[in-house]
Amino acid sequence: MKTLAETIKSYEERLLKPDVRKSLEEVSKLLADDFYEIGKSGKTFTKSQVIESMQKESDDYSVSLSNFELRELDTDLLQATYKTTNHRTGISAIRSTLWRKNESGWQAIFHQGTPTPD
């Protein structure tokens, strides 16, 4: 049986896979209806805007995840932090996602990625 950290890490990894990112059904399972994101531009995006953006991505989207950590903020609220590297652009980012447990299981409610200097 997977630990909670392994489960949440696997969800984060799924959200980085091109085939999952293009699947409305798969992304909808992982993102809560009230999900929002602060993009690297500083603009905020809703769940529907994020899904729309993912649908337009190229098929060569390739990002790896490292340095994963999970903190319990409350009984049903977790914070995942990790680093990603985009293999096409070489850009790395430190990312943070808040995960909330509800009747459907764990869903992301907030995400922010901050590009890091090389």
N, C-alpha and C. Protein backbone atom coordinates (compact mmCIF):
# COMPACT_ATOMS: atom_id res chain seq x y z
N MET A 1 0.84 -1.18 0.00
CA MET A 1 0.00 0.00 0.00
C MET A 1 0.89 1.25 0.00
N LYS A 2 0.50 2.23 -0.81
CA LYS A 2 1.26 3.47 -0.91
C LYS A 2 1.08 4.32 0.34
N THR A 3 2.14 5.03 0.71
CA THR A 3 2.01 6.02 1.77
C THR A 3 1.28 7.23 1.19
N LEU A 4 0.83 8.12 2.07
CA LEU A 4 0.16 9.33 1.61
C LEU A 4 1.10 10.17 0.74
N ALA A 5 2.36 10.28 1.15
CA ALA A 5 3.34 11.04 0.36
C ALA A 5 3.51 10.43 -1.03
N GLU A 6 3.57 9.12 -1.13
CA GLU A 6 3.70 8.45 -2.43
C GLU A 6 2.47 8.69 -3.29
N THR A 7 1.30 8.68 -2.67
CA THR A 7 0.05 8.91 -3.39
C THR A 7 0.01 10.31 -3.97
N ILE A 8 0.29 11.32 -3.14
CA ILE A 8 0.24 12.70 -3.61
C ILE A 8 1.33 12.95 -4.66
N LYS A 9 2.51 12.39 -4.46
CA LYS A 9 3.57 12.53 -5.47
C LYS A 9 3.11 11.94 -6.79
N SER A 10 2.45 10.80 -6.74
CA SER A 10 1.98 10.17 -7.99
C SER A 10 0.92 11.06 -8.68
N TYR A 11 0.09 11.76 -7.90
CA TYR A 11 -0.88 12.69 -8.49
C TYR A 11 -0.15 13.86 -9.16
N GLU A 12 0.87 14.38 -8.49
CA GLU A 12 1.65 15.48 -9.07
C GLU A 12 2.32 15.01 -10.37
N GLU A 13 2.87 13.82 -10.36
CA GLU A 13 3.52 13.29 -11.56
C GLU A 13 2.51 13.08 -12.68
N ARG A 14 1.31 12.65 -12.34
CA ARG A 14 0.27 12.47 -13.37
C ARG A 14 -0.06 13.79 -14.04
N LEU A 15 -0.11 14.86 -13.22
CA LEU A 15 -0.43 16.18 -13.78
C LEU A 15 0.67 16.73 -14.68
N LEU A 16 1.82 16.07 -14.70
CA LEU A 16 2.91 16.48 -15.58
C LEU A 16 2.96 15.67 -16.87
N LYS A 17 2.15 14.62 -16.98
CA LYS A 17 2.17 13.75 -18.16
C LYS A 17 1.29 14.34 -19.27
N PRO A 18 1.82 14.44 -20.49
CA PRO A 18 1.05 15.04 -21.58
C PRO A 18 -0.31 14.39 -21.82
N ASP A 19 -0.40 13.05 -21.77
CA ASP A 19 -1.68 12.40 -22.04
C ASP A 19 -2.70 12.70 -20.95
N VAL A 20 -2.27 12.84 -19.71
CA VAL A 20 -3.18 13.20 -18.62
C VAL A 20 -3.59 14.66 -18.75
N ARG A 21 -2.64 15.54 -19.07
CA ARG A 21 -2.90 16.97 -19.19
C ARG A 21 -3.93 17.26 -20.28
N LYS A 22 -3.99 16.41 -21.29
CA LYS A 22 -4.94 16.61 -22.38
C LYS A 22 -6.28 15.92 -22.14
N SER A 23 -6.39 15.20 -21.03
CA SER A 23 -7.63 14.49 -20.70
C SER A 23 -8.47 15.30 -19.72
N LEU A 24 -9.56 15.83 -20.21
CA LEU A 24 -10.46 16.62 -19.37
C LEU A 24 -10.92 15.80 -18.17
N GLU A 25 -11.22 14.54 -18.39
CA GLU A 25 -11.69 13.66 -17.31
C GLU A 25 -10.62 13.46 -16.24
N GLU A 26 -9.39 13.16 -16.67
CA GLU A 26 -8.30 12.91 -15.72
C GLU A 26 -7.96 14.16 -14.91
N VAL A 27 -7.81 15.29 -15.58
CA VAL A 27 -7.45 16.52 -14.87
C VAL A 27 -8.58 16.94 -13.94
N SER A 28 -9.82 16.77 -14.37
CA SER A 28 -10.97 17.14 -13.53
C SER A 28 -11.02 16.34 -12.24
N LYS A 29 -10.54 15.10 -12.27
CA LYS A 29 -10.50 14.28 -11.05
C LYS A 29 -9.48 14.81 -10.06
N LEU A 30 -8.38 15.36 -10.58
CA LEU A 30 -7.28 15.79 -9.73
C LEU A 30 -7.40 17.22 -9.23
N LEU A 31 -8.14 18.06 -9.94
CA LEU A 31 -8.30 19.46 -9.55
C LEU A 31 -9.70 19.70 -9.01
N ALA A 32 -9.79 20.31 -7.83
CA ALA A 32 -11.08 20.64 -7.23
C ALA A 32 -11.77 21.73 -8.06
N ASP A 33 -13.08 21.81 -7.96
CA ASP A 33 -13.82 22.81 -8.71
C ASP A 33 -13.39 24.23 -8.35
N ASP A 34 -12.96 24.46 -7.11
CA ASP A 34 -12.54 25.79 -6.68
C ASP A 34 -11.02 25.99 -6.81
N PHE A 35 -10.36 25.11 -7.55
CA PHE A 35 -8.91 25.20 -7.78
C PHE A 35 -8.55 26.53 -8.42
N TYR A 36 -7.41 27.08 -8.00
CA TYR A 36 -6.83 28.21 -8.73
C TYR A 36 -5.32 28.12 -8.66
N GLU A 37 -4.71 28.80 -9.61
CA GLU A 37 -3.27 28.76 -9.77
C GLU A 37 -2.74 30.17 -9.95
N ILE A 38 -1.56 30.41 -9.40
CA ILE A 38 -0.83 31.63 -9.70
C ILE A 38 0.28 31.23 -10.66
N GLY A 39 0.20 31.72 -11.87
CA GLY A 39 1.18 31.37 -12.89
C GLY A 39 2.47 32.15 -12.75
N LYS A 40 3.47 31.76 -13.53
CA LYS A 40 4.76 32.43 -13.44
C LYS A 40 4.67 33.90 -13.84
N SER A 41 3.61 34.27 -14.55
CA SER A 41 3.38 35.66 -14.93
C SER A 41 2.85 36.49 -13.76
N GLY A 42 2.41 35.80 -12.70
CA GLY A 42 1.78 36.49 -11.57
C GLY A 42 0.27 36.55 -11.70
N LYS A 43 -0.26 36.15 -12.85
CA LYS A 43 -1.71 36.13 -13.06
C LYS A 43 -2.31 34.89 -12.40
N THR A 44 -3.57 34.99 -12.00
CA THR A 44 -4.25 33.84 -11.43
C THR A 44 -5.15 33.19 -12.49
N PHE A 45 -5.33 31.88 -12.34
CA PHE A 45 -6.12 31.11 -13.29
C PHE A 45 -7.06 30.18 -12.55
N THR A 46 -8.25 30.00 -13.07
CA THR A 46 -9.23 29.07 -12.51
C THR A 46 -9.00 27.67 -13.07
N LYS A 47 -9.72 26.72 -12.53
CA LYS A 47 -9.63 25.34 -13.01
C LYS A 47 -9.92 25.27 -14.51
N SER A 48 -10.99 25.91 -14.96
CA SER A 48 -11.34 25.82 -16.38
C SER A 48 -10.27 26.48 -17.26
N GLN A 49 -9.67 27.57 -16.80
CA GLN A 49 -8.61 28.21 -17.57
C GLN A 49 -7.36 27.34 -17.65
N VAL A 50 -7.03 26.68 -16.55
CA VAL A 50 -5.87 25.78 -16.52
C VAL A 50 -6.10 24.61 -17.47
N ILE A 51 -7.27 24.03 -17.40
CA ILE A 51 -7.59 22.89 -18.28
C ILE A 51 -7.53 23.32 -19.74
N GLU A 52 -8.07 24.48 -20.05
CA GLU A 52 -8.04 25.00 -21.42
C GLU A 52 -6.60 25.18 -21.90
N SER A 53 -5.75 25.70 -21.04
CA SER A 53 -4.34 25.90 -21.38
C SER A 53 -3.65 24.56 -21.63
N MET A 54 -3.94 23.57 -20.79
CA MET A 54 -3.33 22.25 -20.95
C MET A 54 -3.72 21.61 -22.27
N GLN A 55 -4.96 21.84 -22.70
CA GLN A 55 -5.44 21.26 -23.95
C GLN A 55 -4.66 21.78 -25.16
N LYS A 56 -4.08 22.97 -25.04
CA LYS A 56 -3.37 23.61 -26.15
C LYS A 56 -1.88 23.29 -26.18
N GLU A 57 -1.39 22.59 -25.16
CA GLU A 57 0.05 22.30 -25.07
C GLU A 57 0.49 21.34 -26.17
N SER A 58 1.75 21.45 -26.52
CA SER A 58 2.30 20.54 -27.53
C SER A 58 2.48 19.15 -26.92
N ASP A 59 2.55 18.16 -27.78
CA ASP A 59 2.68 16.77 -27.34
C ASP A 59 4.07 16.45 -26.80
N ASP A 60 5.03 17.36 -27.01
CA ASP A 60 6.39 17.08 -26.53
C ASP A 60 6.65 17.68 -25.15
N TYR A 61 5.60 18.01 -24.42
CA TYR A 61 5.72 18.53 -23.06
C TYR A 61 6.42 17.46 -22.21
N SER A 62 7.57 17.81 -21.65
CA SER A 62 8.35 16.84 -20.88
C SER A 62 8.95 17.52 -19.66
N VAL A 63 8.43 17.17 -18.50
CA VAL A 63 8.86 17.78 -17.25
C VAL A 63 9.11 16.68 -16.24
N SER A 64 10.22 16.80 -15.51
CA SER A 64 10.51 15.82 -14.45
C SER A 64 10.39 16.51 -13.09
N LEU A 65 10.13 15.71 -12.08
CA LEU A 65 9.89 16.17 -10.71
C LEU A 65 11.00 15.63 -9.80
N SER A 66 11.49 16.48 -8.89
CA SER A 66 12.49 16.05 -7.91
C SER A 66 12.28 16.79 -6.60
N ASN A 67 13.00 16.37 -5.58
CA ASN A 67 12.98 17.01 -4.26
C ASN A 67 11.57 17.15 -3.67
N PHE A 68 10.77 16.11 -3.82
CA PHE A 68 9.38 16.15 -3.35
C PHE A 68 9.33 16.08 -1.83
N GLU A 69 8.51 16.96 -1.24
CA GLU A 69 8.24 16.94 0.19
C GLU A 69 6.76 17.16 0.41
N LEU A 70 6.25 16.58 1.49
CA LEU A 70 4.83 16.74 1.82
C LEU A 70 4.70 17.15 3.28
N ARG A 71 3.89 18.19 3.51
CA ARG A 71 3.63 18.65 4.88
C ARG A 71 2.13 18.58 5.15
N GLU A 72 1.79 18.10 6.33
CA GLU A 72 0.38 18.08 6.74
C GLU A 72 0.08 19.41 7.42
N LEU A 73 -0.83 20.18 6.84
CA LEU A 73 -1.21 21.47 7.38
C LEU A 73 -2.41 21.35 8.32
N ASP A 74 -3.26 20.37 8.05
CA ASP A 74 -4.43 20.08 8.87
C ASP A 74 -4.84 18.65 8.53
N THR A 75 -5.83 18.14 9.21
CA THR A 75 -6.26 16.75 9.00
C THR A 75 -6.52 16.42 7.54
N ASP A 76 -7.18 17.33 6.84
CA ASP A 76 -7.55 17.10 5.45
C ASP A 76 -6.92 18.10 4.49
N LEU A 77 -5.75 18.63 4.86
CA LEU A 77 -5.08 19.63 4.02
C LEU A 77 -3.57 19.39 4.02
N LEU A 78 -3.01 19.22 2.82
CA LEU A 78 -1.59 18.93 2.65
C LEU A 78 -0.94 19.95 1.73
N GLN A 79 0.36 20.17 1.93
CA GLN A 79 1.14 21.00 1.01
C GLN A 79 2.26 20.15 0.43
N ALA A 80 2.28 20.05 -0.88
CA ALA A 80 3.36 19.37 -1.59
C ALA A 80 4.28 20.45 -2.17
N THR A 81 5.59 20.27 -1.99
CA THR A 81 6.57 21.15 -2.62
C THR A 81 7.57 20.28 -3.36
N TYR A 82 8.05 20.79 -4.48
CA TYR A 82 8.99 20.02 -5.29
C TYR A 82 9.59 20.92 -6.36
N LYS A 83 10.59 20.41 -7.03
CA LYS A 83 11.23 21.11 -8.14
C LYS A 83 10.89 20.38 -9.43
N THR A 84 10.67 21.14 -10.48
CA THR A 84 10.48 20.54 -11.80
C THR A 84 11.52 21.12 -12.75
N THR A 85 11.83 20.33 -13.76
CA THR A 85 12.69 20.78 -14.85
C THR A 85 12.00 20.46 -16.16
N ASN A 86 11.83 21.48 -16.98
CA ASN A 86 11.24 21.30 -18.31
C ASN A 86 12.37 20.89 -19.24
N HIS A 87 12.28 19.69 -19.82
CA HIS A 87 13.36 19.15 -20.64
C HIS A 87 13.48 19.83 -22.00
N ARG A 88 12.42 20.43 -22.46
CA ARG A 88 12.47 21.14 -23.75
C ARG A 88 13.13 22.50 -23.60
N THR A 89 12.78 23.24 -22.52
CA THR A 89 13.30 24.61 -22.35
C THR A 89 14.47 24.69 -21.38
N GLY A 90 14.63 23.68 -20.53
CA GLY A 90 15.68 23.71 -19.52
C GLY A 90 15.32 24.54 -18.30
N ILE A 91 14.14 25.10 -18.28
CA ILE A 91 13.71 25.96 -17.16
C ILE A 91 13.28 25.10 -15.98
N SER A 92 13.78 25.45 -14.80
CA SER A 92 13.38 24.78 -13.56
C SER A 92 12.45 25.68 -12.76
N ALA A 93 11.65 25.08 -11.91
CA ALA A 93 10.74 25.83 -11.06
C ALA A 93 10.58 25.12 -9.73
N ILE A 94 10.37 25.90 -8.70
CA ILE A 94 9.97 25.37 -7.41
C ILE A 94 8.45 25.47 -7.38
N ARG A 95 7.80 24.38 -7.07
CA ARG A 95 6.33 24.34 -7.12
C ARG A 95 5.75 23.99 -5.76
N SER A 96 4.55 24.49 -5.54
CA SER A 96 3.81 24.21 -4.31
C SER A 96 2.35 23.98 -4.67
N THR A 97 1.80 22.91 -4.13
CA THR A 97 0.39 22.57 -4.36
C THR A 97 -0.27 22.27 -3.03
N LEU A 98 -1.46 22.82 -2.84
CA LEU A 98 -2.27 22.47 -1.67
C LEU A 98 -3.28 21.42 -2.11
N TRP A 99 -3.36 20.34 -1.34
CA TRP A 99 -4.26 19.22 -1.61
C TRP A 99 -5.26 19.11 -0.46
N ARG A 100 -6.54 19.03 -0.81
CA ARG A 100 -7.61 18.91 0.19
C ARG A 100 -8.33 17.58 -0.01
N LYS A 101 -8.60 16.92 1.11
CA LYS A 101 -9.35 15.66 1.04
C LYS A 101 -10.84 15.98 1.14
N ASN A 102 -11.60 15.38 0.23
CA ASN A 102 -13.06 15.51 0.25
C ASN A 102 -13.68 14.15 -0.04
N GLU A 103 -14.95 14.13 -0.31
CA GLU A 103 -15.64 12.85 -0.53
C GLU A 103 -15.12 12.10 -1.75
N SER A 104 -14.48 12.80 -2.68
CA SER A 104 -13.91 12.18 -3.88
C SER A 104 -12.48 11.69 -3.67
N GLY A 105 -11.87 12.07 -2.55
CA GLY A 105 -10.47 11.74 -2.31
C GLY A 105 -9.67 13.03 -2.23
N TRP A 106 -8.41 12.97 -2.62
CA TRP A 106 -7.54 14.15 -2.59
C TRP A 106 -7.62 14.89 -3.91
N GLN A 107 -7.82 16.21 -3.82
CA GLN A 107 -7.82 17.07 -5.01
C GLN A 107 -7.00 18.32 -4.74
N ALA A 108 -6.33 18.80 -5.77
CA ALA A 108 -5.56 20.04 -5.66
C ALA A 108 -6.52 21.22 -5.61
N ILE A 109 -6.24 22.15 -4.69
CA ILE A 109 -7.06 23.36 -4.60
C ILE A 109 -6.27 24.62 -4.96
N PHE A 110 -4.93 24.53 -4.94
CA PHE A 110 -4.09 25.68 -5.24
C PHE A 110 -2.75 25.19 -5.75
N HIS A 111 -2.19 25.96 -6.68
CA HIS A 111 -0.86 25.62 -7.20
C HIS A 111 -0.13 26.90 -7.58
N GLN A 112 1.17 26.90 -7.33
CA GLN A 112 2.03 28.00 -7.78
C GLN A 112 3.39 27.43 -8.15
N GLY A 113 3.91 27.90 -9.24
CA GLY A 113 5.26 27.52 -9.66
C GLY A 113 6.09 28.77 -9.85
N THR A 114 7.28 28.77 -9.28
CA THR A 114 8.17 29.93 -9.36
C THR A 114 9.43 29.52 -10.10
N PRO A 115 9.67 30.09 -11.29
CA PRO A 115 10.89 29.76 -12.03
C PRO A 115 12.13 30.09 -11.19
N THR A 116 13.15 29.26 -11.32
CA THR A 116 14.38 29.47 -10.57
C THR A 116 15.51 29.79 -11.54
N PRO A 117 16.48 30.57 -11.08
CA PRO A 117 17.63 30.84 -11.96
C PRO A 117 18.46 29.57 -12.12
N ASP A 118 19.18 29.49 -13.22
CA ASP A 118 20.01 28.30 -13.48
C ASP A 118 21.10 28.14 -12.46
